[in-house]
Amino acid sequence: MSKQEPPLEKGKFYHIYNRGVNSCNLFKDSKTYEHFLNLYDKYISPVADTYAWVLMLYPVKYF
């Protein structure tokens, strides 16, 4: 049985982060990166103020 987390409270600060399974990159290409930004804009931006964020870009090939 999973532990139920309390709801987020208005006026509080939360540190929210996400990472891939086994610390794998979440963004494999520009399409997945843009998809995440679209979802963020649709679901998070309307209900939360964001003070800072860092998104690691999808892997870039270095020559």
N, C-alpha and C. Protein backbone atom coordinates (compact mmCIF):
# COMPACT_ATOMS: atom_id res chain seq x y z
N MET A 1 0.84 -1.17 0.00
CA MET A 1 0.00 0.00 0.00
C MET A 1 0.90 1.24 0.00
N SER A 2 0.60 2.20 -0.86
CA SER A 2 1.41 3.41 -0.94
C SER A 2 0.94 4.43 0.09
N LYS A 3 1.89 5.21 0.55
CA LYS A 3 1.59 6.27 1.52
C LYS A 3 1.00 7.46 0.76
N GLN A 4 -0.12 7.96 1.23
CA GLN A 4 -0.74 9.11 0.56
C GLN A 4 -0.10 10.39 1.08
N GLU A 5 0.35 11.23 0.15
CA GLU A 5 0.99 12.49 0.49
C GLU A 5 -0.06 13.56 0.76
N PRO A 6 0.22 14.48 1.67
CA PRO A 6 -0.73 15.57 1.90
C PRO A 6 -0.79 16.50 0.69
N PRO A 7 -1.91 17.20 0.50
CA PRO A 7 -2.01 18.12 -0.65
C PRO A 7 -1.07 19.29 -0.49
N LEU A 8 -0.73 19.92 -1.60
CA LEU A 8 0.09 21.12 -1.56
C LEU A 8 -0.72 22.25 -0.91
N GLU A 9 -0.02 23.08 -0.14
CA GLU A 9 -0.69 24.17 0.56
C GLU A 9 -0.34 25.51 -0.06
N LYS A 10 -1.34 26.39 -0.14
CA LYS A 10 -1.15 27.73 -0.67
C LYS A 10 -0.20 28.51 0.24
N GLY A 11 0.68 29.30 -0.38
CA GLY A 11 1.61 30.12 0.38
C GLY A 11 2.86 29.41 0.84
N LYS A 12 3.04 28.16 0.46
CA LYS A 12 4.22 27.39 0.83
C LYS A 12 5.16 27.29 -0.36
N PHE A 13 6.40 26.96 -0.10
CA PHE A 13 7.39 26.76 -1.15
C PHE A 13 7.68 25.27 -1.26
N TYR A 14 7.83 24.78 -2.50
CA TYR A 14 8.11 23.37 -2.74
C TYR A 14 9.26 23.24 -3.72
N HIS A 15 10.11 22.30 -3.44
CA HIS A 15 11.20 21.97 -4.36
C HIS A 15 10.74 20.71 -5.09
N ILE A 16 10.48 20.85 -6.37
CA ILE A 16 9.96 19.73 -7.16
C ILE A 16 11.01 19.38 -8.20
N TYR A 17 11.31 18.12 -8.31
CA TYR A 17 12.30 17.68 -9.29
C TYR A 17 11.89 16.35 -9.87
N ASN A 18 12.50 16.03 -10.97
CA ASN A 18 12.22 14.78 -11.64
C ASN A 18 13.50 14.29 -12.29
N ARG A 19 13.66 13.01 -12.36
CA ARG A 19 14.81 12.44 -13.04
C ARG A 19 14.42 11.10 -13.64
N GLY A 20 15.19 10.68 -14.59
CA GLY A 20 14.87 9.45 -15.29
C GLY A 20 15.21 8.21 -14.47
N VAL A 21 14.66 7.10 -14.89
CA VAL A 21 14.96 5.81 -14.26
C VAL A 21 16.46 5.55 -14.36
N ASN A 22 17.05 5.12 -13.27
CA ASN A 22 18.49 4.88 -13.20
C ASN A 22 19.30 6.11 -13.59
N SER A 23 18.76 7.28 -13.29
CA SER A 23 19.39 8.58 -13.58
C SER A 23 19.63 8.82 -15.07
N CYS A 24 18.86 8.16 -15.91
CA CYS A 24 18.98 8.38 -17.36
C CYS A 24 18.44 9.77 -17.70
N ASN A 25 18.89 10.31 -18.81
CA ASN A 25 18.40 11.61 -19.28
C ASN A 25 16.91 11.53 -19.58
N LEU A 26 16.19 12.58 -19.20
CA LEU A 26 14.76 12.65 -19.50
C LEU A 26 14.51 13.07 -20.94
N PHE A 27 15.39 13.90 -21.46
CA PHE A 27 15.20 14.44 -22.80
C PHE A 27 16.20 13.83 -23.77
N LYS A 28 15.68 13.05 -24.71
CA LYS A 28 16.55 12.38 -25.66
C LYS A 28 16.72 13.17 -26.95
N ASP A 29 15.81 14.11 -27.19
CA ASP A 29 15.90 14.94 -28.39
C ASP A 29 15.06 16.20 -28.18
N SER A 30 15.09 17.09 -29.14
CA SER A 30 14.37 18.35 -28.98
C SER A 30 12.86 18.15 -28.88
N LYS A 31 12.34 17.08 -29.49
CA LYS A 31 10.90 16.83 -29.46
C LYS A 31 10.42 16.52 -28.03
N THR A 32 11.15 15.69 -27.30
CA THR A 32 10.74 15.36 -25.93
C THR A 32 10.93 16.56 -25.00
N TYR A 33 11.95 17.35 -25.24
CA TYR A 33 12.20 18.56 -24.47
C TYR A 33 11.04 19.54 -24.66
N GLU A 34 10.65 19.78 -25.88
CA GLU A 34 9.54 20.69 -26.18
C GLU A 34 8.21 20.15 -25.64
N HIS A 35 8.03 18.83 -25.69
CA HIS A 35 6.81 18.22 -25.14
C HIS A 35 6.71 18.51 -23.65
N PHE A 36 7.81 18.36 -22.92
CA PHE A 36 7.80 18.65 -21.49
C PHE A 36 7.44 20.12 -21.25
N LEU A 37 8.04 21.03 -22.01
CA LEU A 37 7.76 22.46 -21.82
C LEU A 37 6.29 22.78 -22.10
N ASN A 38 5.71 22.12 -23.08
CA ASN A 38 4.29 22.32 -23.37
C ASN A 38 3.40 21.83 -22.23
N LEU A 39 3.74 20.66 -21.67
CA LEU A 39 2.98 20.14 -20.53
C LEU A 39 3.13 21.04 -19.31
N TYR A 40 4.34 21.54 -19.10
CA TYR A 40 4.59 22.45 -17.98
C TYR A 40 3.72 23.71 -18.13
N ASP A 41 3.70 24.25 -19.32
CA ASP A 41 2.92 25.46 -19.58
C ASP A 41 1.42 25.20 -19.39
N LYS A 42 0.97 24.03 -19.75
CA LYS A 42 -0.45 23.70 -19.66
C LYS A 42 -0.90 23.39 -18.23
N TYR A 43 -0.10 22.64 -17.46
CA TYR A 43 -0.55 22.14 -16.17
C TYR A 43 0.06 22.84 -14.95
N ILE A 44 1.28 23.30 -15.04
CA ILE A 44 1.94 23.88 -13.87
C ILE A 44 1.80 25.40 -13.84
N SER A 45 2.08 26.05 -14.94
CA SER A 45 2.05 27.52 -14.97
C SER A 45 0.74 28.14 -14.48
N PRO A 46 -0.43 27.57 -14.80
CA PRO A 46 -1.67 28.19 -14.33
C PRO A 46 -1.89 28.13 -12.81
N VAL A 47 -1.22 27.20 -12.13
CA VAL A 47 -1.52 27.01 -10.71
C VAL A 47 -0.35 27.28 -9.78
N ALA A 48 0.84 27.54 -10.32
CA ALA A 48 2.00 27.71 -9.45
C ALA A 48 2.93 28.79 -9.98
N ASP A 49 3.54 29.53 -9.06
CA ASP A 49 4.59 30.47 -9.42
C ASP A 49 5.91 29.72 -9.42
N THR A 50 6.69 29.89 -10.47
CA THR A 50 7.99 29.25 -10.56
C THR A 50 9.06 30.32 -10.38
N TYR A 51 9.92 30.12 -9.39
CA TYR A 51 10.96 31.10 -9.09
C TYR A 51 12.28 30.76 -9.75
N ALA A 52 12.52 29.52 -9.99
CA ALA A 52 13.75 29.09 -10.66
C ALA A 52 13.55 27.69 -11.21
N TRP A 53 14.29 27.38 -12.27
CA TRP A 53 14.27 26.03 -12.78
C TRP A 53 15.51 25.78 -13.60
N VAL A 54 15.84 24.53 -13.72
CA VAL A 54 16.98 24.10 -14.53
C VAL A 54 16.54 22.86 -15.29
N LEU A 55 16.71 22.91 -16.58
CA LEU A 55 16.42 21.74 -17.41
C LEU A 55 17.69 21.38 -18.16
N MET A 56 18.10 20.16 -18.01
CA MET A 56 19.27 19.70 -18.74
C MET A 56 18.81 19.40 -20.17
N LEU A 57 19.52 19.93 -21.12
CA LEU A 57 19.17 19.68 -22.51
C LEU A 57 19.43 18.24 -22.89
N TYR A 58 18.80 17.83 -23.95
CA TYR A 58 19.03 16.50 -24.46
C TYR A 58 20.51 16.37 -24.82
N PRO A 59 21.04 15.18 -24.84
CA PRO A 59 22.48 15.00 -25.09
C PRO A 59 22.93 15.62 -26.41
N VAL A 60 24.03 16.31 -26.36
CA VAL A 60 24.61 16.93 -27.56
C VAL A 60 25.88 16.14 -27.90
N LYS A 61 26.04 15.83 -29.16
CA LYS A 61 27.24 15.11 -29.59
C LYS A 61 28.38 16.09 -29.74
N TYR A 62 29.48 15.79 -29.11
CA TYR A 62 30.67 16.62 -29.23
C TYR A 62 31.65 15.94 -30.14
N PHE A 63 32.30 16.70 -31.01
CA PHE A 63 33.24 16.11 -31.96
C PHE A 63 34.66 16.40 -31.54
